[in-house]
Amino acid sequence: MTDNFNLLADHARVWIYAASASISPIHAAEIQNKLNAFTSSWTAHQNKLLASAQLFHNYFIVFMVDESAHEISGCGIDKSVGIVRELSEMTGMDFFNRLSIFLFINGTVVKTNKQEVAEKLNQGQIDENTLYFDNLVSDKISFTQSWLKPIRESWFFPSVLNTTK
């Protein structure tokens, strides 16, 4: 894979898009090829960006841009949104639903929502130490160190606790 992930500084900015379902191996290869082509020519105000885009766990498209050479602009971000829209059309999947919650249970990604998390807590299927993907991380160091964390550290956990018995 021709990718700059390891070259990017820890402060590189991050954007994460989650698919509405697990991406098939065939689509995964197509998506990664399109992401590689996109990042190799990604620019902001005609300046080449030091960037990475990778598919993780067959669910998550992760973009990173190291702004130490050139800052990304609104138009540069719009270009990344455009490629995600293209990938959405190609796969028939929604990458823009920010209400889904993704748990990591026994090595498997489980797409859910706040109500289902509350139900799983009530039924003892998960607990406060169950891992979830924090798709709100904003830089590479946070991505590498705390993208996956216990749900007790999540933005949604306090409101889920209010609905549990």
Protein backbone atom coordinates (compact mmCIF):
# COMPACT_ATOMS: atom_id res chain seq x y z
CA MET A 1 0.00 0.00 0.00
CA THR A 2 1.35 3.43 -0.87
CA ASP A 3 0.34 5.41 2.15
CA ASN A 4 1.81 8.16 4.32
CA PHE A 5 0.31 7.06 7.66
CA ASN A 6 3.68 6.39 9.29
CA LEU A 7 5.15 9.62 7.90
CA LEU A 8 2.50 11.83 9.45
CA ALA A 9 3.21 13.77 12.63
CA ASP A 10 1.25 12.97 15.80
CA HIS A 11 -0.59 16.30 15.47
CA ALA A 12 -1.96 15.41 11.99
CA ARG A 13 -5.68 16.15 11.77
CA VAL A 14 -8.13 13.24 11.56
CA TRP A 15 -11.60 12.74 10.08
CA ILE A 16 -13.44 9.44 10.44
CA TYR A 17 -16.40 8.22 8.40
CA ALA A 18 -18.22 5.04 9.43
CA ALA A 19 -20.11 2.81 7.00
CA SER A 20 -23.69 1.75 7.59
CA ALA A 21 -22.63 -1.91 7.29
CA SER A 22 -19.50 -4.01 7.03
CA ILE A 23 -17.76 -3.45 3.72
CA SER A 24 -17.22 -6.56 1.60
CA PRO A 25 -13.64 -7.57 0.72
CA ILE A 26 -14.23 -6.66 -2.94
CA HIS A 27 -15.53 -3.19 -2.06
CA ALA A 28 -12.77 -2.80 0.56
CA ALA A 29 -10.08 -3.24 -2.09
CA GLU A 30 -11.85 -0.84 -4.46
CA ILE A 31 -12.28 1.73 -1.69
CA GLN A 32 -8.63 1.54 -0.63
CA ASN A 33 -7.49 1.94 -4.24
CA LYS A 34 -9.69 5.03 -4.65
CA LEU A 35 -8.46 6.45 -1.34
CA ASN A 36 -4.83 5.92 -2.37
CA ALA A 37 -5.44 7.66 -5.69
CA PHE A 38 -7.25 10.49 -3.95
CA THR A 39 -4.57 11.16 -1.31
CA SER A 40 -1.77 11.01 -3.88
CA SER A 41 -3.31 14.04 -5.62
CA TRP A 42 -5.12 15.76 -2.70
CA THR A 43 -4.47 19.48 -2.62
CA ALA A 44 -5.62 22.60 -0.83
CA HIS A 45 -5.19 25.87 -2.74
CA GLN A 46 -3.03 23.98 -5.27
CA ASN A 47 -0.64 22.83 -2.53
CA LYS A 48 -0.09 19.08 -2.25
CA LEU A 49 -1.15 17.76 1.13
CA LEU A 50 0.81 15.26 3.18
CA ALA A 51 -2.12 12.94 3.74
CA SER A 52 -3.31 9.44 4.40
CA ALA A 53 -6.64 7.72 3.92
CA GLN A 54 -7.20 4.16 5.02
CA LEU A 55 -10.02 1.74 5.55
CA PHE A 56 -10.01 0.16 9.02
CA HIS A 57 -11.98 -2.86 10.25
CA ASN A 58 -14.06 -2.87 7.02
CA TYR A 59 -16.18 -0.05 8.49
CA PHE A 60 -14.13 3.11 8.93
CA ILE A 61 -12.59 5.48 6.40
CA VAL A 62 -9.94 7.51 8.19
CA PHE A 63 -8.39 10.62 6.63
CA MET A 64 -5.30 12.27 8.11
CA VAL A 65 -3.56 15.46 7.04
CA ASP A 66 -0.27 16.71 8.43
CA GLU A 67 -0.54 20.48 8.23
CA SER A 68 3.12 21.16 9.01
CA ALA A 69 3.82 21.67 5.29
CA HIS A 70 0.45 23.05 4.10
CA GLU A 71 -2.75 23.73 5.98
CA ILE A 72 -5.89 22.11 4.74
CA SER A 73 -8.61 24.56 3.79
CA GLY A 74 -12.37 24.28 3.59
CA CYS A 75 -12.08 23.40 -0.09
CA GLY A 76 -9.57 20.67 0.74
CA ILE A 77 -11.92 19.20 3.32
CA ASP A 78 -14.77 19.45 0.81
CA LYS A 79 -12.71 17.34 -1.61
CA SER A 80 -12.48 14.57 0.99
CA VAL A 81 -16.22 14.75 1.60
CA GLY A 82 -16.69 14.47 -2.16
CA ILE A 83 -14.69 11.25 -2.39
CA VAL A 84 -16.66 9.79 0.53
CA ARG A 85 -19.89 10.65 -1.32
CA GLU A 86 -18.54 8.85 -4.39
CA LEU A 87 -17.68 5.82 -2.28
CA SER A 88 -21.15 5.94 -0.74
CA GLU A 89 -22.73 5.86 -4.20
CA MET A 90 -20.39 3.10 -5.34
CA THR A 91 -21.16 0.83 -2.36
CA GLY A 92 -24.74 1.88 -1.58
CA MET A 93 -23.65 2.60 1.99
CA ASP A 94 -24.21 5.63 4.16
CA PHE A 95 -20.97 7.07 5.57
CA PHE A 96 -22.61 10.19 7.03
CA ASN A 97 -24.82 8.87 9.86
CA ARG A 98 -23.18 10.29 12.99
CA LEU A 99 -25.75 8.71 15.35
CA SER A 100 -24.44 5.16 15.06
CA ILE A 101 -22.22 3.80 17.81
CA PHE A 102 -19.60 1.17 17.06
CA LEU A 103 -18.60 -1.27 19.76
CA PHE A 104 -15.70 -3.71 19.61
CA ILE A 105 -16.82 -6.99 21.14
CA ASN A 106 -14.71 -10.17 20.96
CA GLY A 107 -12.69 -8.74 18.07
CA THR A 108 -15.78 -7.82 16.06
CA VAL A 109 -17.19 -4.41 15.17
CA VAL A 110 -20.83 -4.14 16.28
CA LYS A 111 -22.88 -1.24 14.88
CA THR A 112 -25.51 -0.05 17.35
CA ASN A 113 -27.20 3.05 18.80
CA LYS A 114 -27.70 4.59 22.24
CA GLN A 115 -30.96 2.75 22.93
CA GLU A 116 -29.43 -0.62 22.04
CA VAL A 117 -26.37 0.16 24.19
CA ALA A 118 -28.71 0.81 27.14
CA GLU A 119 -30.53 -2.48 26.46
CA LYS A 120 -27.25 -4.41 26.22
CA LEU A 121 -26.12 -2.85 29.52
CA ASN A 122 -29.44 -3.77 31.21
CA GLN A 123 -29.20 -7.34 29.93
CA GLY A 124 -25.57 -7.70 31.03
CA GLN A 125 -24.37 -8.30 27.46
CA ILE A 126 -21.87 -5.44 27.82
CA ASP A 127 -20.52 -3.36 30.68
CA GLU A 128 -18.81 -0.01 31.17
CA ASN A 129 -15.50 -1.55 30.06
CA THR A 130 -16.81 -2.65 26.67
CA LEU A 131 -14.77 -0.92 23.99
CA TYR A 132 -16.18 1.53 21.46
CA PHE A 133 -14.68 3.50 18.59
CA ASP A 134 -14.45 7.20 19.40
CA ASN A 135 -14.92 8.61 15.91
CA LEU A 136 -14.61 12.13 17.33
CA VAL A 137 -10.83 11.91 17.79
CA SER A 138 -9.24 14.86 16.03
CA ASP A 139 -5.54 14.07 15.67
CA LYS A 140 -3.24 11.14 14.93
CA ILE A 141 -1.97 10.71 18.49
CA SER A 142 -5.55 10.48 19.78
CA PHE A 143 -6.38 8.08 16.97
CA THR A 144 -3.46 5.78 17.71
CA GLN A 145 -3.83 5.92 21.50
CA SER A 146 -7.54 6.34 22.21
CA TRP A 147 -9.70 5.72 19.17
CA LEU A 148 -10.74 2.52 20.90
CA LYS A 149 -11.72 3.12 24.52
CA PRO A 150 -14.16 1.91 27.21
CA ILE A 151 -17.73 3.14 26.79
CA ARG A 152 -17.56 4.69 30.28
CA GLU A 153 -15.31 7.33 28.66
CA SER A 154 -17.73 8.02 25.82
CA TRP A 155 -19.82 11.09 25.10
CA PHE A 156 -23.00 8.99 25.22
CA PHE A 157 -22.42 6.94 28.40
CA PRO A 158 -23.93 9.41 30.92
CA SER A 159 -27.19 9.59 28.96
CA VAL A 160 -27.26 5.79 28.55
CA LEU A 161 -26.85 5.34 32.31
CA ASN A 162 -29.94 7.51 32.84
CA THR A 163 -31.99 4.98 30.85
CA THR A 164 -30.68 1.83 32.53
CA LYS A 165 -32.35 0.27 35.57
